[in-house]
Amino acid sequence: MHMDELANELHQEGAQDLLENATLLRLAYNGHDGLPRVIPIGFLWNGTEIVICTAVTSPKVRALRSRPEVALTIDVGSTPSEARSLLIRGRATVEIVEGIPPEYLAAARKSLGGEQSAGFETEVAKLYDQMARISIVPAWARFYDFGVGRLPSFLLELIEEKRS
């Protein structure tokens, strides 16, 4: 995907809203056995990359080190007029860090209140001496907003065909 096209997709108002405010994404990757996996996981968008943090011993850490290609979806809306979805592909980079990455705590704050957040941070600090920081720089993206007609091209073509 050309960088201008990628930037255009990621900078759509609805795409930015999903990146900044959604609390979960669905991460697709190939497990260590080579079979596909899709998991819901918290994330933080820092303006250039999506950051996911997890336990060093998580199976996805081992899998992503050997098969770093990933796809992810961030979506909201329970009716067609509300449905919005951001699809992203890229390569995951795994880094083991000491302590708790600040992105992990910032991602948790998106869904926790102030009091809950403080308690969560205390418990997490007791649990993890190290964490895996997984970063994904988007290489391809598509933003769909079904309520305003920003649809996949195959659907737009079908609609146009039926109108003719």
C-alpha atoms as a PDB file:
ATOM      1  CA  MET A   1       0.000   0.000   0.000  1.00  0.00           C
ATOM      2  CA  HIS A   2       1.323   3.454  -0.893  1.00  0.00           C
ATOM      3  CA  MET A   3       2.165   5.606   2.147  1.00  0.00           C
ATOM      4  CA  ASP A   4      -0.273   8.382   1.113  1.00  0.00           C
ATOM      5  CA  GLU A   5      -3.107   5.873   0.821  1.00  0.00           C
ATOM      6  CA  LEU A   6      -2.183   4.354   4.197  1.00  0.00           C
ATOM      7  CA  ALA A   7      -2.079   7.787   5.851  1.00  0.00           C
ATOM      8  CA  ASN A   8      -5.436   8.693   4.281  1.00  0.00           C
ATOM      9  CA  GLU A   9      -7.084   5.593   5.746  1.00  0.00           C
ATOM     10  CA  LEU A  10      -5.549   6.025   9.207  1.00  0.00           C
ATOM     11  CA  HIS A  11      -6.360   9.741   9.362  1.00  0.00           C
ATOM     12  CA  GLN A  12     -10.073   9.384   8.659  1.00  0.00           C
ATOM     13  CA  GLU A  13     -11.939  10.899  11.605  1.00  0.00           C
ATOM     14  CA  GLY A  14     -13.670   7.607  12.416  1.00  0.00           C
ATOM     15  CA  ALA A  15     -10.418   5.649  12.162  1.00  0.00           C
ATOM     16  CA  GLN A  16      -8.719   8.051  14.565  1.00  0.00           C
ATOM     17  CA  ASP A  17     -11.644   7.696  16.964  1.00  0.00           C
ATOM     18  CA  LEU A  18     -11.287   3.903  16.931  1.00  0.00           C
ATOM     19  CA  LEU A  19      -7.509   4.053  17.388  1.00  0.00           C
ATOM     20  CA  GLU A  20      -7.705   6.495  20.277  1.00  0.00           C
ATOM     21  CA  ASN A  21     -10.846   5.389  22.117  1.00  0.00           C
ATOM     22  CA  ALA A  22     -11.595   1.719  21.470  1.00  0.00           C
ATOM     23  CA  THR A  23     -10.491  -0.517  24.311  1.00  0.00           C
ATOM     24  CA  LEU A  24     -10.043  -3.802  22.432  1.00  0.00           C
ATOM     25  CA  LEU A  25      -8.828  -4.967  19.084  1.00  0.00           C
ATOM     26  CA  ARG A  26      -8.838  -8.420  17.563  1.00  0.00           C
ATOM     27  CA  LEU A  27      -5.343  -9.603  16.728  1.00  0.00           C
ATOM     28  CA  ALA A  28      -4.884 -12.339  14.121  1.00  0.00           C
ATOM     29  CA  TYR A  29      -1.586 -14.183  13.951  1.00  0.00           C
ATOM     30  CA  ASN A  30      -0.267 -17.658  13.220  1.00  0.00           C
ATOM     31  CA  GLY A  31       0.386 -19.686  16.335  1.00  0.00           C
ATOM     32  CA  HIS A  32       3.608 -21.550  16.923  1.00  0.00           C
ATOM     33  CA  ASP A  33       1.958 -24.589  15.340  1.00  0.00           C
ATOM     34  CA  GLY A  34       1.327 -22.545  12.182  1.00  0.00           C
ATOM     35  CA  LEU A  35      -2.448 -22.443  12.667  1.00  0.00           C
ATOM     36  CA  PRO A  36      -4.319 -19.120  12.781  1.00  0.00           C
ATOM     37  CA  ARG A  37      -5.440 -17.479  15.994  1.00  0.00           C
ATOM     38  CA  VAL A  38      -7.623 -14.438  16.679  1.00  0.00           C
ATOM     39  CA  ILE A  39      -7.635 -12.927  20.147  1.00  0.00           C
ATOM     40  CA  PRO A  40      -9.229  -9.858  21.706  1.00  0.00           C
ATOM     41  CA  ILE A  41      -6.637  -7.718  23.488  1.00  0.00           C
ATOM     42  CA  GLY A  42      -6.217  -4.216  24.890  1.00  0.00           C
ATOM     43  CA  PHE A  43      -4.002  -1.812  22.986  1.00  0.00           C
ATOM     44  CA  LEU A  44      -2.647   1.700  22.754  1.00  0.00           C
ATOM     45  CA  TRP A  45      -2.119   3.754  19.583  1.00  0.00           C
ATOM     46  CA  ASN A  46       0.795   6.154  20.024  1.00  0.00           C
ATOM     47  CA  GLY A  47       0.386   7.919  16.688  1.00  0.00           C
ATOM     48  CA  THR A  48       2.741   5.688  14.718  1.00  0.00           C
ATOM     49  CA  GLU A  49       2.311   2.194  16.095  1.00  0.00           C
ATOM     50  CA  ILE A  50      -0.134  -0.012  17.925  1.00  0.00           C
ATOM     51  CA  VAL A  51       1.293  -1.303  21.191  1.00  0.00           C
ATOM     52  CA  ILE A  52       0.100  -4.466  22.914  1.00  0.00           C
ATOM     53  CA  CYS A  53       1.657  -5.724  26.134  1.00  0.00           C
ATOM     54  CA  THR A  54       1.479  -9.200  27.602  1.00  0.00           C
ATOM     55  CA  ALA A  55       3.264 -11.709  29.796  1.00  0.00           C
ATOM     56  CA  VAL A  56       6.684 -12.803  28.563  1.00  0.00           C
ATOM     57  CA  THR A  57       5.444 -16.409  28.762  1.00  0.00           C
ATOM     58  CA  SER A  58       2.371 -15.799  26.585  1.00  0.00           C
ATOM     59  CA  PRO A  59       2.162 -18.192  23.612  1.00  0.00           C
ATOM     60  CA  LYS A  60       1.704 -15.230  21.250  1.00  0.00           C
ATOM     61  CA  VAL A  61       5.172 -13.914  22.163  1.00  0.00           C
ATOM     62  CA  ARG A  62       6.871 -17.071  20.926  1.00  0.00           C
ATOM     63  CA  ALA A  63       4.635 -17.243  17.845  1.00  0.00           C
ATOM     64  CA  LEU A  64       5.141 -13.590  16.857  1.00  0.00           C
ATOM     65  CA  ARG A  65       8.909 -13.888  17.123  1.00  0.00           C
ATOM     66  CA  SER A  66       8.914 -16.580  14.437  1.00  0.00           C
ATOM     67  CA  ARG A  67       5.888 -15.377  12.408  1.00  0.00           C
ATOM     68  CA  PRO A  68       5.586 -11.600  12.851  1.00  0.00           C
ATOM     69  CA  GLU A  69       2.944 -10.953  10.166  1.00  0.00           C
ATOM     70  CA  VAL A  70      -0.340  -9.902  11.752  1.00  0.00           C
ATOM     71  CA  ALA A  71      -3.760  -8.522  10.917  1.00  0.00           C
ATOM     72  CA  LEU A  72      -6.050  -6.734  13.307  1.00  0.00           C
ATOM     73  CA  THR A  73      -9.520  -5.292  13.452  1.00  0.00           C
ATOM     74  CA  ILE A  74     -10.900  -2.542  15.642  1.00  0.00           C
ATOM     75  CA  ASP A  75     -14.656  -2.308  15.300  1.00  0.00           C
ATOM     76  CA  VAL A  76     -17.747  -0.873  16.953  1.00  0.00           C
ATOM     77  CA  GLY A  77     -21.461  -0.710  16.293  1.00  0.00           C
ATOM     78  CA  SER A  78     -24.236  -3.225  16.705  1.00  0.00           C
ATOM     79  CA  THR A  79     -26.405  -2.070  13.802  1.00  0.00           C
ATOM     80  CA  PRO A  80     -25.524  -1.496  10.141  1.00  0.00           C
ATOM     81  CA  SER A  81     -25.902   2.276  10.482  1.00  0.00           C
ATOM     82  CA  GLU A  82     -23.509   2.323  13.478  1.00  0.00           C
ATOM     83  CA  ALA A  83     -20.950  -0.189  12.165  1.00  0.00           C
ATOM     84  CA  ARG A  84     -17.405   1.129  11.802  1.00  0.00           C
ATOM     85  CA  SER A  85     -14.313  -0.978  11.319  1.00  0.00           C
ATOM     86  CA  LEU A  86     -10.592  -0.349  10.915  1.00  0.00           C
ATOM     87  CA  LEU A  87      -8.588  -3.196   9.399  1.00  0.00           C
ATOM     88  CA  ILE A  88      -4.791  -3.119   9.669  1.00  0.00           C
ATOM     89  CA  ARG A  89      -1.959  -5.381   8.556  1.00  0.00           C
ATOM     90  CA  GLY A  90       1.652  -5.153   9.607  1.00  0.00           C
ATOM     91  CA  ARG A  91       4.603  -6.858  11.263  1.00  0.00           C
ATOM     92  CA  ALA A  92       4.891  -7.288  15.002  1.00  0.00           C
ATOM     93  CA  THR A  93       8.106  -6.491  16.825  1.00  0.00           C
ATOM     94  CA  VAL A  94       8.520  -8.105  20.245  1.00  0.00           C
ATOM     95  CA  GLU A  95      10.652  -6.479  22.899  1.00  0.00           C
ATOM     96  CA  ILE A  96      11.068  -7.744  26.473  1.00  0.00           C
ATOM     97  CA  VAL A  97      11.098  -4.838  28.916  1.00  0.00           C
ATOM     98  CA  GLU A  98      11.773  -4.593  32.631  1.00  0.00           C
ATOM     99  CA  GLY A  99       8.744  -3.727  34.724  1.00  0.00           C
ATOM    100  CA  ILE A 100       5.442  -2.517  33.293  1.00  0.00           C
ATOM    101  CA  PRO A 101       5.464  -0.660  29.958  1.00  0.00           C
ATOM    102  CA  PRO A 102       3.651   2.694  30.262  1.00  0.00           C
ATOM    103  CA  GLU A 103       1.548   1.739  27.217  1.00  0.00           C
ATOM    104  CA  TYR A 104       0.081  -1.200  29.125  1.00  0.00           C
ATOM    105  CA  LEU A 105      -1.128   1.057  31.908  1.00  0.00           C
ATOM    106  CA  ALA A 106      -2.393   3.723  29.473  1.00  0.00           C
ATOM    107  CA  ALA A 107      -4.355   1.073  27.544  1.00  0.00           C
ATOM    108  CA  ALA A 108      -5.944  -0.158  30.784  1.00  0.00           C
ATOM    109  CA  ARG A 109      -6.914   3.394  31.778  1.00  0.00           C
ATOM    110  CA  LYS A 110      -9.101   3.626  28.660  1.00  0.00           C
ATOM    111  CA  SER A 111     -11.560   1.187  30.238  1.00  0.00           C
ATOM    112  CA  LEU A 112     -10.972   1.650  33.983  1.00  0.00           C
ATOM    113  CA  GLY A 113     -12.025   4.512  36.229  1.00  0.00           C
ATOM    114  CA  GLY A 114      -9.507   6.416  38.358  1.00  0.00           C
ATOM    115  CA  GLU A 115      -9.940   4.335  41.508  1.00  0.00           C
ATOM    116  CA  GLN A 116     -10.016   1.046  39.591  1.00  0.00           C
ATOM    117  CA  SER A 117      -6.970   2.120  37.605  1.00  0.00           C
ATOM    118  CA  ALA A 118      -4.870   2.747  40.724  1.00  0.00           C
ATOM    119  CA  GLY A 119      -5.781  -0.655  42.160  1.00  0.00           C
ATOM    120  CA  PHE A 120      -5.066  -2.339  38.837  1.00  0.00           C
ATOM    121  CA  GLU A 121      -1.625  -0.708  38.604  1.00  0.00           C
ATOM    122  CA  THR A 122      -0.744  -1.882  42.123  1.00  0.00           C
ATOM    123  CA  GLU A 123      -1.725  -5.482  41.345  1.00  0.00           C
ATOM    124  CA  VAL A 124       0.041  -5.504  37.968  1.00  0.00           C
ATOM    125  CA  ALA A 125       3.256  -4.227  39.557  1.00  0.00           C
ATOM    126  CA  LYS A 126       3.173  -7.221  41.932  1.00  0.00           C
ATOM    127  CA  LEU A 127       2.599  -9.667  39.076  1.00  0.00           C
ATOM    128  CA  TYR A 128       5.123  -8.680  36.406  1.00  0.00           C
ATOM    129  CA  ASP A 129       8.885  -8.251  36.727  1.00  0.00           C
ATOM    130  CA  GLN A 130       9.063  -8.092  32.927  1.00  0.00           C
ATOM    131  CA  MET A 131       6.566  -7.801  30.097  1.00  0.00           C
ATOM    132  CA  ALA A 132       6.580  -8.290  26.360  1.00  0.00           C
ATOM    133  CA  ARG A 133       5.939  -5.034  24.486  1.00  0.00           C
ATOM    134  CA  ILE A 134       4.570  -5.869  21.029  1.00  0.00           C
ATOM    135  CA  SER A 135       4.531  -3.025  18.532  1.00  0.00           C
ATOM    136  CA  ILE A 136       2.842  -3.066  15.137  1.00  0.00           C
ATOM    137  CA  VAL A 137       3.507  -0.372  12.559  1.00  0.00           C
ATOM    138  CA  PRO A 138       0.640  -0.370  10.048  1.00  0.00           C
ATOM    139  CA  ALA A 139       1.693  -1.333   6.517  1.00  0.00           C
ATOM    140  CA  TRP A 140      -1.864  -1.527   5.148  1.00  0.00           C
ATOM    141  CA  ALA A 141      -5.173  -0.175   6.434  1.00  0.00           C
ATOM    142  CA  ARG A 142      -8.830   0.188   5.444  1.00  0.00           C
ATOM    143  CA  PHE A 143     -11.484   2.128   7.315  1.00  0.00           C
ATOM    144  CA  TYR A 144     -15.147   1.339   6.767  1.00  0.00           C
ATOM    145  CA  ASP A 145     -18.090   3.367   8.049  1.00  0.00           C
ATOM    146  CA  PHE A 146     -21.201   1.561   6.921  1.00  0.00           C
ATOM    147  CA  GLY A 147     -23.551   4.279   8.201  1.00  0.00           C
ATOM    148  CA  VAL A 148     -22.137   6.878   5.789  1.00  0.00           C
ATOM    149  CA  GLY A 149     -21.553   4.522   2.867  1.00  0.00           C
ATOM    150  CA  ARG A 150     -17.779   4.052   3.258  1.00  0.00           C
ATOM    151  CA  LEU A 151     -17.997   0.396   2.215  1.00  0.00           C
ATOM    152  CA  PRO A 152     -15.706  -2.295   0.814  1.00  0.00           C
ATOM    153  CA  SER A 153     -15.211  -1.826  -2.933  1.00  0.00           C
ATOM    154  CA  PHE A 154     -16.894  -5.139  -3.791  1.00  0.00           C
ATOM    155  CA  LEU A 155     -20.088  -3.960  -2.059  1.00  0.00           C
ATOM    156  CA  LEU A 156     -19.963  -0.565  -3.763  1.00  0.00           C
ATOM    157  CA  GLU A 157     -19.567  -2.312  -7.122  1.00  0.00           C
ATOM    158  CA  LEU A 158     -22.502  -4.621  -6.390  1.00  0.00           C
ATOM    159  CA  ILE A 159     -24.704  -1.680  -5.371  1.00  0.00           C
ATOM    160  CA  GLU A 160     -23.733   0.239  -8.513  1.00  0.00           C
ATOM    161  CA  GLU A 161     -24.378  -2.834 -10.663  1.00  0.00           C
ATOM    162  CA  LYS A 162     -27.874  -3.253  -9.182  1.00  0.00           C
ATOM    163  CA  ARG A 163     -28.675   0.436  -9.764  1.00  0.00           C
ATOM    164  CA  SER A 164     -27.814   0.162 -13.468  1.00  0.00           C
END
